[in-house]
Amino acid sequence: MSWNPILDPQIPIGDAVDAIETVIIPRARDLGGFEVRRALPSGKRQMVGPFIFFDQMGPAEFLTGQGIDVRPHPHIGLGTVTYLLKGRMHHRDSLGTDQWIEPGAVNWMKAGWGITHSERTDGEVRATGQTLFGLQTWLALPKAQEDDPAAFIHTPSADLPVLEGEGKTVRLILGQAWGETAPMETPSEMFYADATLAPGAAIPLPDGQEDRGVYILQGEVTVAGQTFPTGQMLVFRPGDRISVKAGPAGARIMLLGGATMDGPRLIWWNFVASSKDRIDAAKEAWRAGDWAHGRFQLPPEDNAEFIPAPEQ
């Protein structure tokens, strides 16, 4: 059995337990007119399956000349998935990747041993303004893959499986669920999906996963007679058969989960690792700033600045 401190094979299921294990109300932070709501990690839960970080970005309206400028910064021990609902962002990384991220596409950046990237709204997008709304998640890598070489994979929206029927439209972003498999190979067992539900429509959660969660992007949903509004994450007990039903105005939700990780993880700044030694080594490498010969390099097309490591 993989590591899960709350998993108990003797837990009763069905009507014998509450359907929802944890309700997470994300912390909101205003980044100068651009709000980010962070659901994971939280005081109640560090991970849902391999998902160790879950941010909602916006929605935010950028006027002409405005945008985001996330300067080059490093990652280790994780994979980032950027998924936009509205707007565009420009991704550049130390592998030489130069990719515009657009709504519905999947952009997977595997940090492994180390990668540096930037995220900006520049060029014509900045000149004309836009609405930006999306999600960024981090997935902890299994211990056997923490030191793998970095990689970046872009999957266009048209390549993702879409399931439709009974008032539901579901786009499978990662992994396996409901008899479908997303095209991108994942480092561990997981699922991640974007579901739009008509008023009163219901969707069952995949029942073959240890950890399962739902994030409510729009509208409200009902689970086991309880109603939950926009902006909350619900985490469910392993083994329960769960169905999520949209409210009278419909709903848009993100469904996520998978096998629990092979042990707890440490998080410091942008680094995720199974040991403090790995975190400390990455700290030293970034602070050394040896972009020509060191562990980290800057993106070739965005190397005029970078984010310094925190002092603590």
Protein backbone atom coordinates (compact mmCIF):
# COMPACT_ATOMS: atom_id res chain seq x y z
CA MET A 1 0.00 0.00 0.00
CA SER A 2 1.36 3.44 -0.86
CA TRP A 3 1.79 6.03 1.86
CA ASN A 4 -1.45 7.56 3.13
CA PRO A 5 -1.71 8.38 6.84
CA ILE A 6 -5.54 8.38 6.81
CA LEU A 7 -6.10 5.29 4.71
CA ASP A 8 -7.60 2.43 6.72
CA PRO A 9 -8.78 -0.72 4.91
CA GLN A 10 -11.43 -1.21 7.61
CA ILE A 11 -13.16 2.13 6.98
CA PRO A 12 -16.89 1.63 6.39
CA ILE A 13 -18.30 2.99 3.16
CA GLY A 14 -21.59 4.27 1.83
CA ASP A 15 -24.12 5.57 4.36
CA ALA A 16 -21.91 4.56 7.28
CA VAL A 17 -19.55 7.52 6.81
CA ASP A 18 -19.68 11.13 5.70
CA ALA A 19 -19.19 11.30 1.94
CA ILE A 20 -16.71 14.18 2.20
CA GLU A 21 -13.50 13.85 4.18
CA THR A 22 -12.22 17.41 3.85
CA VAL A 23 -13.51 20.76 2.60
CA ILE A 24 -10.72 23.18 1.64
CA ILE A 25 -11.43 26.89 1.28
CA PRO A 26 -8.52 28.28 -0.76
CA ARG A 27 -6.38 31.15 0.47
CA ALA A 28 -6.69 34.20 -1.77
CA ARG A 29 -3.79 36.49 -2.56
CA ASP A 30 -3.95 39.71 -4.59
CA LEU A 31 -0.89 40.09 -6.81
CA GLY A 32 -1.59 43.64 -7.90
CA GLY A 33 -5.00 43.20 -9.50
CA PHE A 34 -4.43 39.54 -10.26
CA GLU A 35 -5.94 37.21 -7.68
CA VAL A 36 -4.57 33.74 -7.02
CA ARG A 37 -6.56 31.26 -4.91
CA ARG A 38 -4.48 28.38 -3.48
CA ALA A 39 -6.27 25.18 -2.46
CA LEU A 40 -3.21 22.91 -2.10
CA PRO A 41 -1.20 22.57 0.00
CA SER A 42 -3.46 23.52 2.89
CA GLY A 43 -3.51 23.10 6.63
CA LYS A 44 -5.93 20.21 6.19
CA ARG A 45 -4.26 18.40 3.30
CA GLN A 46 -0.86 18.49 1.60
CA MET A 47 -1.71 16.31 -1.40
CA VAL A 48 -4.60 14.74 -3.27
CA GLY A 49 -2.98 11.79 -5.03
CA PRO A 50 0.18 13.31 -6.55
CA PHE A 51 -1.34 16.83 -6.70
CA ILE A 52 0.66 18.86 -4.18
CA PHE A 53 -0.11 22.38 -5.40
CA PHE A 54 -3.35 23.74 -6.86
CA ASP A 55 -3.76 27.41 -7.82
CA GLN A 56 -6.63 29.19 -9.53
CA MET A 57 -5.33 32.20 -11.46
CA GLY A 58 -7.88 34.96 -11.99
CA PRO A 59 -10.18 35.58 -13.72
CA ALA A 60 -8.43 38.91 -14.20
CA GLU A 61 -8.91 41.61 -16.81
CA PHE A 62 -5.64 43.06 -18.10
CA LEU A 63 -5.92 46.36 -19.91
CA THR A 64 -3.67 47.46 -22.78
CA GLY A 65 -0.04 47.34 -21.65
CA GLN A 66 -0.76 45.17 -18.61
CA GLY A 67 -0.01 41.51 -17.97
CA ILE A 68 1.88 39.03 -15.82
CA ASP A 69 5.66 38.90 -15.61
CA VAL A 70 6.83 35.87 -13.66
CA ARG A 71 10.61 36.10 -14.06
CA PRO A 72 12.76 32.98 -14.54
CA HIS A 73 12.70 30.76 -11.44
CA PRO A 74 13.72 27.14 -10.69
CA HIS A 75 11.86 23.90 -9.88
CA ILE A 76 12.92 20.41 -8.80
CA GLY A 77 11.10 17.16 -7.97
CA LEU A 78 7.75 17.98 -9.55
CA GLY A 79 5.79 18.39 -12.75
CA THR A 80 3.76 21.53 -13.43
CA VAL A 81 0.54 21.45 -15.44
CA THR A 82 -0.77 24.78 -16.73
CA TYR A 83 -4.36 24.69 -17.99
CA LEU A 84 -6.05 27.87 -19.18
CA LEU A 85 -9.76 28.57 -19.53
CA LYS A 86 -9.33 32.06 -20.98
CA GLY A 87 -6.39 34.07 -22.29
CA ARG A 88 -2.83 33.20 -23.29
CA MET A 89 0.55 32.97 -21.50
CA HIS A 90 4.06 32.76 -22.88
CA HIS A 91 6.18 29.93 -21.43
CA ARG A 92 9.97 29.85 -21.89
CA ASP A 93 12.32 27.44 -20.14
CA SER A 94 15.96 26.42 -19.82
CA LEU A 95 15.45 23.55 -22.28
CA GLY A 96 14.89 26.18 -24.98
CA THR A 97 11.10 25.69 -25.04
CA ASP A 98 9.21 28.72 -26.36
CA GLN A 99 5.48 27.91 -26.16
CA TRP A 100 2.31 29.96 -26.01
CA ILE A 101 -0.16 28.35 -23.60
CA GLU A 102 -3.75 28.60 -24.82
CA PRO A 103 -7.18 27.54 -23.47
CA GLY A 104 -7.82 23.79 -23.32
CA ALA A 105 -4.25 22.71 -24.09
CA VAL A 106 -2.13 20.75 -21.60
CA ASN A 107 1.36 21.99 -20.86
CA TRP A 108 3.41 19.59 -18.74
CA MET A 109 6.82 20.68 -17.48
CA LYS A 110 8.70 17.92 -15.67
CA ALA A 111 11.32 19.52 -13.45
CA GLY A 112 13.08 16.37 -12.23
CA TRP A 113 16.70 17.26 -11.37
CA GLY A 114 16.08 20.90 -12.24
CA ILE A 115 14.55 23.35 -14.72
CA THR A 116 14.10 27.12 -14.92
CA HIS A 117 11.14 28.82 -16.60
CA SER A 118 9.31 32.12 -16.97
CA GLU A 119 5.65 32.95 -17.59
CA ARG A 120 4.66 36.23 -19.17
CA THR A 121 2.01 37.99 -21.19
CA ASP A 122 4.01 39.87 -23.78
CA GLY A 123 4.00 40.85 -27.44
CA GLU A 124 0.60 41.39 -29.08
CA VAL A 125 -1.28 39.96 -26.09
CA ARG A 126 0.14 42.64 -23.80
CA ALA A 127 -0.41 45.33 -26.40
CA THR A 128 -4.11 44.55 -26.77
CA GLY A 129 -5.04 43.35 -23.25
CA GLN A 130 -6.93 40.18 -22.32
CA THR A 131 -8.89 38.26 -19.70
CA LEU A 132 -6.74 35.57 -18.05
CA PHE A 133 -8.31 32.66 -16.17
CA GLY A 134 -6.70 29.31 -15.50
CA LEU A 135 -5.21 26.75 -13.19
CA GLN A 136 -1.69 25.71 -12.37
CA THR A 137 -1.02 22.48 -10.52
CA TRP A 138 2.14 20.77 -9.33
CA LEU A 139 2.40 16.99 -9.25
CA ALA A 140 4.98 15.44 -6.94
CA LEU A 141 7.21 12.97 -8.76
CA PRO A 142 7.76 9.43 -7.42
CA LYS A 143 11.08 9.01 -5.61
CA ALA A 144 12.50 7.01 -8.53
CA GLN A 145 11.91 10.00 -10.87
CA GLU A 146 12.96 12.92 -8.67
CA ASP A 147 16.36 13.17 -10.36
CA ASP A 148 15.20 12.50 -13.93
CA PRO A 149 16.18 14.94 -16.70
CA ALA A 150 13.79 17.84 -17.21
CA ALA A 151 11.23 17.74 -20.03
CA PHE A 152 8.39 19.79 -21.53
CA ILE A 153 5.37 18.36 -23.39
CA HIS A 154 2.60 20.38 -25.05
CA THR A 155 -0.66 18.60 -25.89
CA PRO A 156 -3.14 20.61 -28.01
CA SER A 157 -6.75 20.82 -26.88
CA ALA A 158 -7.93 18.87 -29.95
CA ASP A 159 -5.92 15.80 -28.85
CA LEU A 160 -7.67 15.39 -25.47
CA PRO A 161 -10.53 12.89 -25.05
CA VAL A 162 -13.95 14.53 -24.65
CA LEU A 163 -16.93 12.67 -23.18
CA GLU A 164 -20.43 14.07 -23.70
CA GLY A 165 -23.91 12.99 -22.65
CA GLU A 166 -26.64 13.41 -20.05
CA GLY A 167 -25.88 17.10 -19.61
CA LYS A 168 -22.13 16.62 -19.17
CA THR A 169 -19.09 17.63 -21.21
CA VAL A 170 -15.86 16.24 -19.75
CA ARG A 171 -12.36 16.86 -21.08
CA LEU A 172 -9.78 14.40 -19.73
CA ILE A 173 -6.54 16.31 -19.17
CA LEU A 174 -4.33 13.64 -17.60
CA GLY A 175 -4.46 9.97 -16.77
CA GLN A 176 -7.31 7.48 -16.95
CA ALA A 177 -10.98 7.82 -16.00
CA TRP A 178 -14.43 6.75 -17.21
CA GLY A 179 -12.90 4.30 -19.70
CA GLU A 180 -10.75 6.94 -21.45
CA THR A 181 -7.02 7.67 -21.39
CA ALA A 182 -5.43 11.08 -21.99
CA PRO A 183 -2.52 11.07 -24.47
CA MET A 184 0.26 12.30 -22.17
CA GLU A 185 2.16 9.63 -20.24
CA THR A 186 2.05 10.33 -16.51
CA PRO A 187 4.71 9.52 -13.88
CA SER A 188 2.19 7.81 -11.58
CA GLU A 189 -1.44 6.69 -11.50
CA MET A 190 -3.71 9.76 -11.64
CA PHE A 191 -6.61 11.55 -13.29
CA TYR A 192 -7.36 15.24 -13.97
CA ALA A 193 -10.46 16.42 -15.82
CA ASP A 194 -12.45 19.55 -16.69
CA ALA A 195 -16.22 18.98 -16.49
CA THR A 196 -19.07 21.30 -17.44
CA LEU A 197 -22.43 20.21 -16.01
CA ALA A 198 -25.87 21.40 -17.08
CA PRO A 199 -28.35 22.31 -14.30
CA GLY A 200 -29.09 19.15 -12.29
CA ALA A 201 -26.60 16.98 -14.21
CA ALA A 202 -24.51 14.55 -12.17
CA ILE A 203 -21.12 12.93 -12.68
CA PRO A 204 -19.67 9.94 -10.79
CA LEU A 205 -16.12 10.18 -9.50
CA PRO A 206 -13.73 7.52 -10.79
CA ASP A 207 -13.94 4.70 -8.25
CA GLY A 208 -10.59 3.02 -8.92
CA GLN A 209 -8.42 5.68 -7.23
CA GLU A 210 -7.26 6.05 -3.63
CA ASP A 211 -7.49 9.85 -3.55
CA ARG A 212 -10.18 11.89 -5.28
CA GLY A 213 -11.07 15.56 -5.15
CA VAL A 214 -13.27 18.14 -6.85
CA TYR A 215 -12.59 21.87 -7.23
CA ILE A 216 -15.62 24.04 -7.97
CA LEU A 217 -14.74 26.61 -10.62
CA GLN A 218 -18.22 27.97 -11.35
CA GLY A 219 -21.71 27.41 -9.96
CA GLU A 220 -22.47 25.11 -7.05
CA VAL A 221 -22.65 21.36 -6.54
CA THR A 222 -24.44 18.95 -4.23
CA VAL A 223 -22.83 15.85 -2.74
CA ALA A 224 -24.76 13.52 -0.41
CA GLY A 225 -27.33 16.21 0.28
CA GLN A 226 -24.81 18.97 1.04
CA THR A 227 -24.39 21.99 -1.24
CA PHE A 228 -21.03 23.65 -1.89
CA PRO A 229 -20.37 26.97 -3.69
CA THR A 230 -17.75 28.19 -6.14
CA GLY A 231 -14.14 28.24 -4.98
CA GLN A 232 -14.04 25.21 -2.68
CA MET A 233 -12.15 21.94 -2.96
CA LEU A 234 -13.81 18.75 -1.73
CA VAL A 235 -11.70 15.69 -0.88
CA PHE A 236 -13.39 12.30 -0.55
CA ARG A 237 -12.71 9.13 1.40
CA PRO A 238 -11.17 6.22 -0.50
CA GLY A 239 -13.68 3.57 -1.48
CA ASP A 240 -16.91 5.57 -1.37
CA ARG A 241 -19.07 5.69 -4.47
CA ILE A 242 -19.53 9.42 -5.01
CA SER A 243 -21.63 11.41 -7.47
CA VAL A 244 -21.42 15.21 -7.83
CA LYS A 245 -24.59 17.01 -8.96
CA ALA A 246 -24.72 20.52 -10.42
CA GLY A 247 -26.96 23.19 -8.91
CA PRO A 248 -29.82 25.01 -10.67
CA ALA A 249 -27.41 27.24 -12.64
CA GLY A 250 -25.12 24.37 -13.69
CA ALA A 251 -21.47 24.07 -12.72
CA ARG A 252 -17.93 23.76 -13.98
CA ILE A 253 -15.62 21.61 -11.89
CA MET A 254 -12.13 20.16 -11.98
CA LEU A 255 -11.82 16.52 -10.89
CA LEU A 256 -8.42 15.28 -9.71
CA GLY A 257 -6.73 12.48 -7.83
CA GLY A 258 -4.78 9.27 -8.09
CA ALA A 259 -2.62 6.91 -6.10
CA THR A 260 -1.14 8.43 -2.96
CA MET A 261 2.56 9.13 -3.08
CA ASP A 262 5.37 6.87 -1.90
CA GLY A 263 5.98 9.01 1.19
CA PRO A 264 5.52 12.61 2.35
CA ARG A 265 7.15 15.52 0.55
CA LEU A 266 8.94 18.67 1.66
CA ILE A 267 8.15 21.97 -0.07
CA TRP A 268 10.44 24.98 0.00
CA TRP A 269 9.74 27.87 -2.39
CA ASN A 270 9.47 26.19 -5.83
CA PHE A 271 11.19 22.94 -4.80
CA VAL A 272 9.49 19.64 -3.90
CA ALA A 273 11.54 16.72 -2.61
CA SER A 274 11.43 13.61 -0.46
CA SER A 275 14.42 14.75 1.62
CA LYS A 276 15.85 17.93 3.11
CA ASP A 277 19.24 17.20 1.51
CA ARG A 278 17.69 17.48 -1.95
CA ILE A 279 16.10 20.82 -1.05
CA ASP A 280 19.35 22.17 0.42
CA ALA A 281 21.39 21.14 -2.63
CA ALA A 282 18.96 22.92 -4.96
CA LYS A 283 19.02 26.05 -2.77
CA GLU A 284 22.79 26.22 -2.96
CA ALA A 285 22.82 25.65 -6.72
CA TRP A 286 20.33 28.45 -7.43
CA ARG A 287 22.03 30.89 -5.09
CA ALA A 288 25.39 30.16 -6.74
CA GLY A 289 24.03 31.59 -10.00
CA ASP A 290 26.42 29.63 -12.22
CA TRP A 291 24.19 29.71 -15.29
CA ALA A 292 26.94 28.55 -17.65
CA HIS A 293 28.15 25.48 -15.76
CA GLY A 294 25.87 24.92 -12.77
CA ARG A 295 22.80 22.81 -12.12
CA PHE A 296 20.40 25.54 -13.32
CA GLN A 297 20.44 27.57 -16.52
CA LEU A 298 18.22 30.49 -17.55
CA PRO A 299 15.85 30.33 -20.55
CA PRO A 300 17.89 31.25 -23.65
CA GLU A 301 15.29 33.80 -24.79
CA ASP A 302 14.56 35.22 -21.31
CA ASN A 303 17.84 35.47 -19.43
CA ALA A 304 18.14 39.15 -18.51
CA GLU A 305 16.67 38.69 -15.02
CA PHE A 306 15.61 36.04 -12.51
CA ILE A 307 13.88 35.65 -9.13
CA PRO A 308 16.39 35.38 -6.25
CA ALA A 309 15.88 32.61 -3.71
CA PRO A 310 14.17 33.62 -0.44
CA GLU A 311 16.44 34.29 2.51
CA GLN A 312 14.70 31.75 4.74
